Amino acid sequence: MRAHYGKVTAAFAMISALTLSGCSAGGDSGSTDTGADGGACEPAEGPVELTFTTWVPGMDQVVELWNEENPDVQVTVQTGPNGNSGTYQNFFNQLQAGNAPDLGQIEYDALPNFRVQDGLENIAACEGIANAEDQFVDWTWGQVTFGEDDAVYAVPQDSGPMAMYYRADLFEAAGIEVPTTWEEYAAAAEQVKAEGAYITNFPRSDVNWFAGMVWQAGGQWFANDGEAWDVNLTGEESEQVATYWQDLLSEDLVSTLPSFSDEWNASFNEGQQWTWVSAVWGATTLSDAAPDTAGKWAVAPMPQWEDGGESAGNWGGSSTAVLKGSENPAEAAAFALWLNTDPEALALANELGGLYPAAESAAELEAFAGGVEFYGGQPIYDVFAEASSNVDPDFTWGPTMTQTYTDVSDGFGAAIGGSSTLMDALTEGQQKTIDALKAQSIPVNE
């Protein structure tokens, strides 16, 4: 669930560029062969069987709630690896072969790639979809519409607003103020190092985490003017973020353990890392990684670049998309809407899979009310709800994010090894991204 977007803006007016891309994996993007894509969305006349591919634990139990109440529309869950670990490639192979599942979990940062490849059904004409916008956190709706008029390509599922997890006990015992700005965070990093620990870890492979940092700073990596893409991984805000973390790396003030590894888990459990600037889904990740530290953590807003600021980044988040070629888009869309708005489904998906719903109604769920024992009884989801409202709605993802992540991650590895810098990685990643767009005949501005 690591991986989102904004309100409808010109940056999402992608129709012209997408239809000019010349890399369609299906039919014409205006096709109405299924009765959904840009046209009518009529229900089937008889019983329907749908397939849904996801990697969320326990999703089969959530779907069983639907199946019990909808005997004429049965959904079979297919599980796969995390999107970039294999599921997305499987989707593209299946789309090419004409045997894709009816529905698939797709993270927000991967949706533009599927749109470019014409792998998504436009479900805007399906019952209840066009009027569903108000049921979701506003910026997540922009992620599934791309700013196109009368178009909806998925239903928002979850999101990843970011905040700072920190060891409240260790900060208090050391007499170190909990940082509220990035300047204070760097100063605290020196103090924590003097205590024999690190303030946090720099994640080489989680480039989407770094993107969340740039997002918070107000940067943009991609934009689209309706005719071609702009790629800007090296803008002022990106440079600011890269320089900041480069300084911490150069001064050995942050660790560089592989994220989510056994060593990484142990560093939190043993008090060797005092903070983690991460997404809401990290709450359970941290409690699982560091069980011996229960009751010692707390959550605060992300440090700010300016004193008094309130901006937040986002890391992660998924949608439930109806894939191109589904023979029953009306029923698929109805299921996707139910899955991501029904209170019982949302509560169970959170309990079993740790999802933080994109639905506005999530704030009313018991799971997100009151204190959390692992975090000293703090009502941490209040912090994340506030962060979600402070996420810039206009951040845009490009259509080749998987490749961009890989290229930048390789450069980050060199920077961690001391043979390069984070800015070098972004510069090289930008050029490789432009080259990748050109190789796929996707229009790009230079």
Protein backbone atom coordinates (compact mmCIF):
# COMPACT_ATOMS: atom_id res chain seq x y z
CA MET A 1 0.00 0.00 0.00
CA ARG A 2 3.03 2.20 -0.41
CA ALA A 3 2.56 4.57 -3.07
CA HIS A 4 -1.44 9.38 -4.98
CA TYR A 5 -2.65 12.75 -6.31
CA GLY A 6 -4.54 15.87 -6.66
CA LYS A 7 -7.55 17.81 -7.63
CA VAL A 8 -8.29 18.17 -11.30
CA THR A 9 -5.79 20.54 -12.84
CA ALA A 10 -4.27 21.22 -16.21
CA ALA A 11 -1.46 18.88 -15.25
CA PHE A 12 -3.92 16.04 -15.49
CA ALA A 13 -5.33 17.03 -18.88
CA MET A 14 -3.64 14.07 -20.47
CA ILE A 15 -6.04 12.95 -23.18
CA SER A 16 -4.14 14.36 -26.14
CA ALA A 17 -0.76 13.14 -24.98
CA LEU A 18 -2.10 9.72 -24.15
CA THR A 19 -3.81 9.20 -27.48
CA LEU A 20 -0.65 10.40 -29.22
CA SER A 21 1.55 8.01 -27.28
CA GLY A 22 1.37 5.27 -29.88
CA CYS A 23 1.72 2.52 -27.27
CA SER A 24 -1.79 1.28 -26.76
CA ALA A 25 -2.03 -2.26 -25.41
CA GLY A 26 -5.72 -2.54 -26.08
CA GLY A 27 -8.08 -0.91 -28.49
CA ASP A 28 -8.68 2.75 -29.20
CA SER A 29 -9.03 4.74 -25.98
CA GLY A 30 -12.47 5.86 -27.03
CA SER A 31 -13.72 2.33 -27.61
CA THR A 32 -17.15 1.37 -26.34
CA ASP A 33 -16.82 -2.35 -27.07
CA THR A 34 -17.50 -3.30 -23.46
CA GLY A 35 -20.39 -0.93 -23.05
CA ALA A 36 -18.54 1.10 -20.44
CA ASP A 37 -15.55 2.95 -21.85
CA GLY A 38 -16.94 6.36 -22.61
CA GLY A 39 -20.41 4.98 -23.39
CA ALA A 40 -23.26 3.23 -21.62
CA CYS A 41 -22.62 0.91 -18.68
CA GLU A 42 -25.48 -1.53 -18.70
CA PRO A 43 -25.85 -4.28 -16.09
CA ALA A 44 -25.77 -7.89 -17.24
CA GLU A 45 -29.06 -9.73 -17.64
CA GLY A 46 -27.97 -12.82 -15.70
CA PRO A 47 -25.55 -13.97 -12.98
CA VAL A 48 -22.05 -12.52 -13.16
CA GLU A 49 -18.68 -13.84 -12.04
CA LEU A 50 -15.85 -11.36 -11.52
CA THR A 51 -12.15 -11.78 -10.77
CA PHE A 52 -10.17 -9.34 -8.62
CA THR A 53 -6.39 -9.38 -8.22
CA THR A 54 -4.87 -7.76 -5.12
CA TRP A 55 -2.01 -8.18 -2.67
CA VAL A 56 -3.82 -6.95 0.46
CA PRO A 57 -3.83 -9.62 3.19
CA GLY A 58 -7.29 -10.84 4.14
CA MET A 59 -9.00 -9.35 1.10
CA ASP A 60 -10.71 -12.67 0.42
CA GLN A 61 -12.53 -12.33 3.73
CA VAL A 62 -13.59 -8.77 2.88
CA VAL A 63 -14.91 -9.90 -0.50
CA GLU A 64 -16.88 -12.69 1.17
CA LEU A 65 -19.05 -9.96 2.73
CA TRP A 66 -20.00 -8.88 -0.79
CA ASN A 67 -20.55 -12.40 -2.03
CA GLU A 68 -22.93 -13.18 0.83
CA GLU A 69 -25.08 -10.15 -0.02
CA ASN A 70 -24.84 -10.40 -3.82
CA PRO A 71 -25.48 -13.99 -4.91
CA ASP A 72 -25.90 -12.96 -8.55
CA VAL A 73 -22.54 -11.13 -8.68
CA GLN A 74 -19.80 -13.32 -7.25
CA VAL A 75 -16.20 -12.11 -6.95
CA THR A 76 -13.19 -14.42 -6.85
CA VAL A 77 -10.02 -12.98 -5.29
CA GLN A 78 -6.67 -13.71 -6.89
CA THR A 79 -3.61 -12.79 -4.83
CA GLY A 80 -0.28 -11.66 -6.23
CA PRO A 81 2.92 -9.92 -5.17
CA ASN A 82 3.10 -6.18 -4.52
CA GLY A 83 2.46 -4.30 -7.77
CA ASN A 84 6.00 -3.54 -8.85
CA SER A 85 7.13 -6.95 -7.65
CA GLY A 86 5.22 -8.73 -10.37
CA THR A 87 1.51 -7.99 -10.38
CA TYR A 88 1.72 -5.03 -12.75
CA GLN A 89 3.75 -6.96 -15.28
CA ASN A 90 1.23 -9.78 -15.02
CA PHE A 91 -1.55 -7.28 -15.70
CA PHE A 92 0.18 -5.99 -18.83
CA ASN A 93 0.81 -9.53 -20.07
CA GLN A 94 -2.82 -10.43 -19.43
CA LEU A 95 -4.10 -7.29 -21.13
CA GLN A 96 -2.01 -8.11 -24.16
CA ALA A 97 -3.38 -11.66 -24.18
CA GLY A 98 -6.95 -10.53 -23.60
CA ASN A 99 -7.42 -12.42 -20.33
CA ALA A 100 -6.91 -9.78 -17.64
CA PRO A 101 -8.97 -9.96 -14.43
CA ASP A 102 -12.05 -7.76 -14.24
CA LEU A 103 -10.56 -5.71 -11.43
CA GLY A 104 -7.06 -5.02 -10.19
CA GLN A 105 -5.39 -3.16 -7.36
CA ILE A 106 -3.20 -0.43 -8.86
CA GLU A 107 -1.24 2.16 -6.90
CA TYR A 108 -1.77 5.79 -7.80
CA ASP A 109 1.75 6.23 -9.11
CA ALA A 110 1.24 3.33 -11.53
CA LEU A 111 -2.15 4.41 -12.87
CA PRO A 112 -0.72 6.81 -15.52
CA ASN A 113 1.23 3.93 -17.04
CA PHE A 114 -1.92 1.84 -17.34
CA ARG A 115 -3.79 4.81 -18.80
CA VAL A 116 -1.05 5.39 -21.37
CA GLN A 117 -1.20 1.71 -22.28
CA ASP A 118 -5.01 1.89 -22.60
CA GLY A 119 -5.37 -0.76 -19.91
CA LEU A 120 -8.25 0.80 -17.96
CA GLU A 121 -11.98 0.98 -18.49
CA ASN A 122 -13.61 4.39 -18.20
CA ILE A 123 -16.35 3.60 -15.66
CA ALA A 124 -17.76 7.13 -15.38
CA ALA A 125 -21.07 6.01 -16.95
CA CYS A 126 -21.52 3.15 -14.46
CA GLU A 127 -24.16 3.69 -11.80
CA GLY A 128 -23.01 5.71 -8.80
CA ILE A 129 -19.49 6.38 -10.04
CA ALA A 130 -19.82 9.90 -11.44
CA ASN A 131 -21.42 11.07 -8.19
CA ALA A 132 -18.93 9.36 -5.89
CA GLU A 133 -16.31 12.12 -5.78
CA ASP A 134 -17.55 13.61 -2.52
CA GLN A 135 -17.14 10.25 -0.79
CA PHE A 136 -13.35 10.39 -1.08
CA VAL A 137 -10.50 12.60 0.10
CA ASP A 138 -10.38 15.19 -2.66
CA TRP A 139 -6.83 14.68 -3.91
CA THR A 140 -7.33 10.93 -4.32
CA TRP A 141 -10.18 11.50 -6.77
CA GLY A 142 -7.84 13.43 -9.04
CA GLN A 143 -5.59 10.39 -9.11
CA VAL A 144 -8.27 8.27 -10.79
CA THR A 145 -9.65 10.84 -13.25
CA PHE A 146 -6.47 12.46 -14.66
CA GLY A 147 -8.45 15.67 -15.12
CA GLU A 148 -10.41 14.24 -18.03
CA ASP A 149 -14.01 15.35 -18.41
CA ASP A 150 -16.56 12.59 -17.85
CA ALA A 151 -13.88 10.03 -17.07
CA VAL A 152 -13.16 7.85 -14.06
CA TYR A 153 -10.63 5.05 -14.41
CA ALA A 154 -10.62 3.56 -10.91
CA VAL A 155 -12.06 3.98 -7.43
CA PRO A 156 -9.70 5.30 -4.72
CA GLN A 157 -8.86 2.60 -2.19
CA ASP A 158 -6.34 3.84 0.36
CA SER A 159 -3.84 6.63 0.87
CA GLY A 160 -0.53 7.24 2.64
CA PRO A 161 -0.37 10.68 4.28
CA MET A 162 2.97 11.10 6.04
CA ALA A 163 3.93 12.10 9.56
CA MET A 164 6.84 11.47 11.95
CA TYR A 165 6.94 8.44 14.24
CA TYR A 166 9.36 9.08 17.12
CA ARG A 167 10.58 7.48 20.33
CA ALA A 168 9.05 9.84 22.84
CA ASP A 169 10.84 8.17 25.76
CA LEU A 170 14.29 8.48 24.24
CA PHE A 171 13.86 12.12 23.24
CA GLU A 172 12.66 12.94 26.75
CA ALA A 173 15.43 11.01 28.50
CA ALA A 174 18.10 12.70 26.37
CA GLY A 175 16.57 16.15 26.80
CA ILE A 176 16.24 16.59 23.03
CA GLU A 177 13.32 18.63 21.73
CA VAL A 178 11.09 16.83 19.28
CA PRO A 179 11.84 18.59 15.96
CA THR A 180 9.13 20.55 14.19
CA THR A 181 11.27 21.87 11.31
CA TRP A 182 13.83 20.16 9.09
CA GLU A 183 16.49 22.49 10.49
CA GLU A 184 15.66 21.27 13.99
CA TYR A 185 15.63 17.69 12.71
CA ALA A 186 19.20 18.00 11.44
CA ALA A 187 20.28 19.47 14.77
CA ALA A 188 18.52 16.64 16.59
CA ALA A 189 20.30 14.14 14.34
CA GLU A 190 23.64 15.35 15.72
CA GLN A 191 22.38 15.04 19.28
CA VAL A 192 21.00 11.56 18.69
CA LYS A 193 24.31 10.50 17.13
CA ALA A 194 26.04 11.67 20.29
CA GLU A 195 23.76 9.26 22.15
CA GLY A 196 25.09 6.40 20.03
CA ALA A 197 22.13 6.05 17.69
CA TYR A 198 20.72 7.40 14.44
CA ILE A 199 17.74 9.68 14.10
CA THR A 200 16.49 7.69 11.10
CA ASN A 201 17.39 5.68 8.03
CA PHE A 202 17.83 6.86 4.43
CA PRO A 203 16.05 4.32 2.19
CA ARG A 204 17.92 3.70 -1.03
CA SER A 205 15.18 1.66 -2.70
CA ASP A 206 12.11 3.63 -1.60
CA VAL A 207 12.29 6.38 -4.18
CA ASN A 208 8.56 6.96 -3.74
CA TRP A 209 9.38 7.90 -0.11
CA PHE A 210 11.80 10.50 -1.48
CA ALA A 211 9.07 11.66 -3.87
CA GLY A 212 6.83 12.16 -0.83
CA MET A 213 9.50 14.46 0.60
CA VAL A 214 9.61 16.46 -2.62
CA TRP A 215 5.80 16.51 -2.65
CA GLN A 216 5.78 18.04 0.83
CA ALA A 217 8.29 20.67 -0.29
CA GLY A 218 5.98 21.74 -3.11
CA GLY A 219 7.95 20.18 -5.96
CA GLN A 220 6.63 18.55 -9.13
CA TRP A 221 8.37 15.75 -11.00
CA PHE A 222 5.93 15.56 -13.91
CA ALA A 223 3.40 17.72 -15.69
CA ASN A 224 1.34 17.40 -18.84
CA ASP A 225 0.02 20.22 -21.00
CA GLY A 226 -2.39 18.02 -22.94
CA GLU A 227 0.14 17.42 -25.69
CA ALA A 228 3.35 16.20 -24.06
CA TRP A 229 5.01 15.43 -20.74
CA ASP A 230 7.40 17.61 -18.78
CA VAL A 231 9.96 15.76 -16.65
CA ASN A 232 11.62 17.69 -13.82
CA LEU A 233 13.30 15.54 -11.20
CA THR A 234 15.92 18.25 -10.62
CA GLY A 235 13.78 21.29 -9.78
CA GLU A 236 14.44 23.66 -6.92
CA GLU A 237 12.42 21.67 -4.39
CA SER A 238 14.01 18.38 -5.41
CA GLU A 239 17.44 19.94 -5.04
CA GLN A 240 16.50 21.27 -1.62
CA VAL A 241 15.43 17.82 -0.43
CA ALA A 242 18.40 16.06 -2.05
CA THR A 243 20.95 18.48 -0.59
CA TYR A 244 19.42 18.15 2.85
CA TRP A 245 19.62 14.37 2.93
CA GLN A 246 23.01 14.36 1.22
CA ASP A 247 24.38 16.43 4.07
CA LEU A 248 22.99 13.98 6.64
CA LEU A 249 24.47 11.06 4.71
CA SER A 250 27.86 12.73 4.29
CA GLU A 251 28.05 13.43 8.02
CA ASP A 252 26.96 9.88 8.91
CA LEU A 253 23.91 11.18 10.77
CA VAL A 254 21.48 8.65 9.24
CA SER A 255 21.78 4.92 8.77
CA THR A 256 21.50 3.20 5.40
CA LEU A 257 20.08 -0.22 6.25
CA PRO A 258 17.90 -1.88 3.61
CA SER A 259 14.33 -0.87 4.34
CA PHE A 260 12.05 -3.49 5.91
CA SER A 261 14.95 -5.93 6.33
CA ASP A 262 15.58 -7.90 9.53
CA GLU A 263 18.41 -5.50 10.34
CA TRP A 264 16.14 -2.54 9.78
CA ASN A 265 13.48 -4.03 12.06
CA ALA A 266 16.06 -4.75 14.76
CA SER A 267 17.38 -1.18 14.64
CA PHE A 268 13.97 0.12 15.66
CA ASN A 269 13.38 -2.62 18.19
CA GLU A 270 16.74 -1.97 19.84
CA GLY A 271 16.50 1.82 19.96
CA GLN A 272 19.11 2.44 17.25
CA GLN A 273 16.71 4.59 15.22
CA TRP A 274 14.65 7.20 16.98
CA THR A 275 12.32 8.43 14.24
CA TRP A 276 10.71 7.29 11.02
CA VAL A 277 9.10 9.85 8.71
CA SER A 278 6.60 7.60 7.02
CA ALA A 279 3.03 7.02 5.93
CA VAL A 280 -0.01 6.09 7.96
CA TRP A 281 0.32 2.44 6.95
CA GLY A 282 3.67 2.47 8.77
CA ALA A 283 1.87 2.37 12.11
CA THR A 284 1.43 -1.40 11.94
CA THR A 285 4.75 -1.89 10.14
CA LEU A 286 6.52 -0.28 13.08
CA SER A 287 4.60 -2.14 15.76
CA ASP A 288 5.37 -5.43 14.02
CA ALA A 289 9.05 -4.51 13.57
CA ALA A 290 9.65 -3.29 17.12
CA PRO A 291 7.34 -5.18 19.50
CA ASP A 292 9.66 -4.61 22.47
CA THR A 293 9.12 -0.85 22.25
CA ALA A 294 5.34 -0.85 22.71
CA GLY A 295 4.05 2.26 24.43
CA LYS A 296 7.23 4.23 23.78
CA TRP A 297 6.41 5.74 20.39
CA ALA A 298 4.40 8.80 19.45
CA VAL A 299 3.43 10.54 16.20
CA ALA A 300 3.90 14.19 15.22
CA PRO A 301 3.44 16.07 11.94
CA MET A 302 6.28 15.97 9.42
CA PRO A 303 9.02 18.52 10.11
CA GLN A 304 8.45 21.64 8.05
CA TRP A 305 10.74 23.60 5.76
CA GLU A 306 9.39 26.82 7.26
CA ASP A 307 8.51 27.45 10.87
CA GLY A 308 4.75 27.22 11.29
CA GLY A 309 4.17 25.33 8.06
CA GLU A 310 1.61 22.54 7.80
CA SER A 311 2.34 20.77 4.52
CA ALA A 312 2.52 16.98 4.31
CA GLY A 313 3.71 14.49 1.76
CA ASN A 314 2.15 11.22 0.73
CA TRP A 315 3.76 7.80 0.36
CA GLY A 316 1.65 5.06 -1.10
CA GLY A 317 -1.99 4.49 -1.79
CA SER A 318 -3.94 2.35 -4.21
CA SER A 319 -7.06 2.24 -6.31
CA THR A 320 -9.40 -0.50 -7.46
CA ALA A 321 -9.49 -0.33 -11.25
CA VAL A 322 -11.69 -2.05 -13.81
CA LEU A 323 -9.25 -3.40 -16.36
CA LYS A 324 -9.72 -3.10 -20.09
CA GLY A 325 -11.79 -5.84 -21.62
CA SER A 326 -13.96 -6.68 -18.61
CA GLU A 327 -17.22 -8.11 -19.94
CA ASN A 328 -19.12 -6.84 -16.90
CA PRO A 329 -17.92 -3.31 -16.16
CA ALA A 330 -21.20 -2.28 -14.50
CA GLU A 331 -20.95 -5.00 -11.89
CA ALA A 332 -17.19 -4.53 -11.54
CA ALA A 333 -17.65 -0.81 -10.90
CA ALA A 334 -20.41 -1.46 -8.37
CA PHE A 335 -18.17 -3.87 -6.49
CA ALA A 336 -15.21 -1.45 -6.55
CA LEU A 337 -17.39 1.33 -5.14
CA TRP A 338 -18.80 -0.94 -2.42
CA LEU A 339 -15.34 -2.24 -1.50
CA ASN A 340 -14.03 1.25 -0.87
CA THR A 341 -17.04 2.89 0.78
CA ASP A 342 -18.94 0.23 2.75
CA PRO A 343 -18.21 0.75 6.47
CA GLU A 344 -17.99 -2.97 7.26
CA ALA A 345 -15.69 -3.61 4.30
CA LEU A 346 -13.46 -0.66 5.21
CA ALA A 347 -13.18 -1.76 8.83
CA LEU A 348 -12.30 -5.35 7.91
CA ALA A 349 -9.79 -4.27 5.24
CA ASN A 350 -8.08 -2.17 7.89
CA GLU A 351 -8.13 -4.93 10.48
CA LEU A 352 -6.79 -7.65 8.18
CA GLY A 353 -4.75 -5.68 5.67
CA GLY A 354 -3.83 -2.44 7.40
CA LEU A 355 -5.48 -0.22 4.77
CA TYR A 356 -6.07 3.44 5.59
CA PRO A 357 -9.14 4.14 3.45
CA ALA A 358 -9.36 7.00 1.00
CA ALA A 359 -13.06 7.25 1.84
CA GLU A 360 -14.03 10.34 3.85
CA SER A 361 -16.19 8.14 6.07
CA ALA A 362 -13.08 6.38 7.40
CA ALA A 363 -12.77 9.07 10.05
CA GLU A 364 -15.97 7.71 11.60
CA LEU A 365 -14.69 4.14 11.89
CA GLU A 366 -13.90 2.85 15.35
CA ALA A 367 -10.53 1.59 14.11
CA PHE A 368 -9.36 5.17 13.64
CA ALA A 369 -10.89 6.65 16.78
CA GLY A 370 -9.30 6.87 20.20
CA GLY A 371 -5.85 6.03 21.41
CA VAL A 372 -3.50 3.35 20.10
CA GLU A 373 -1.76 1.33 22.81
CA PHE A 374 1.54 0.88 20.94
CA TYR A 375 1.78 4.67 20.65
CA GLY A 376 1.24 5.34 24.32
CA GLY A 377 -2.50 5.71 23.93
CA GLN A 378 -2.16 8.61 21.50
CA PRO A 379 -4.97 9.00 18.94
CA ILE A 380 -2.42 8.90 16.12
CA TYR A 381 -4.95 8.75 13.30
CA ASP A 382 -6.01 12.29 14.16
CA VAL A 383 -2.48 13.35 13.18
CA PHE A 384 -2.70 11.48 9.88
CA ALA A 385 -6.18 12.82 9.11
CA GLU A 386 -4.81 16.34 9.51
CA ALA A 387 -1.80 15.42 7.35
CA SER A 388 -4.10 14.11 4.62
CA SER A 389 -5.88 17.46 4.50
CA ASN A 390 -2.49 19.17 4.05
CA VAL A 391 -1.30 17.08 1.08
CA ASP A 392 -0.83 19.23 -2.03
CA PRO A 393 -3.64 18.11 -4.39
CA ASP A 394 -1.70 18.88 -7.55
CA PHE A 395 1.21 16.42 -7.47
CA THR A 396 1.48 14.49 -10.73
CA TRP A 397 2.99 11.07 -11.44
CA GLY A 398 4.53 10.18 -14.77
CA PRO A 399 3.69 7.22 -17.00
CA THR A 400 6.96 5.31 -16.43
CA MET A 401 7.32 5.43 -12.65
CA THR A 402 8.55 1.87 -12.24
CA GLN A 403 11.50 2.58 -14.51
CA THR A 404 12.07 5.98 -12.91
CA TYR A 405 12.19 4.40 -9.47
CA THR A 406 14.69 1.80 -10.62
CA ASP A 407 16.99 4.33 -12.27
CA VAL A 408 16.96 6.75 -9.35
CA SER A 409 17.38 3.93 -6.85
CA ASP A 410 20.54 2.80 -8.64
CA GLY A 411 21.88 6.34 -8.34
CA PHE A 412 20.92 6.54 -4.68
CA GLY A 413 22.96 3.40 -4.11
CA ALA A 414 26.01 5.06 -5.63
CA ALA A 415 25.42 8.14 -3.47
CA ILE A 416 25.22 6.02 -0.32
CA GLY A 417 28.46 4.34 -1.37
CA GLY A 418 30.14 7.73 -1.68
CA SER A 419 30.85 7.60 -5.42
CA SER A 420 28.08 10.00 -6.40
CA THR A 421 25.42 12.28 -4.93
CA LEU A 422 21.65 12.25 -4.61
CA MET A 423 21.43 15.13 -7.08
CA ASP A 424 23.52 13.15 -9.56
CA ALA A 425 21.02 10.32 -9.17
CA LEU A 426 18.09 12.63 -9.90
CA THR A 427 19.86 14.17 -12.89
CA GLU A 428 20.64 10.78 -14.39
CA GLY A 429 17.17 9.51 -13.53
CA GLN A 430 15.59 12.46 -15.31
CA GLN A 431 17.49 11.80 -18.53
CA LYS A 432 16.74 8.09 -18.40
CA THR A 433 13.06 8.85 -17.83
CA ILE A 434 13.00 11.13 -20.87
CA ASP A 435 14.73 8.42 -22.89
CA ALA A 436 12.17 5.85 -21.70
CA LEU A 437 9.27 8.08 -22.71
CA LYS A 438 10.75 8.58 -26.14
CA ALA A 439 11.36 4.86 -26.54
CA GLN A 440 7.65 4.29 -25.97
CA SER A 441 6.71 7.09 -28.40
CA ILE A 442 5.21 9.11 -25.55
CA PRO A 443 5.47 12.83 -26.35
CA VAL A 444 7.88 14.66 -24.05
CA ASN A 445 8.99 18.28 -23.81
CA GLU A 446 12.71 19.01 -23.47
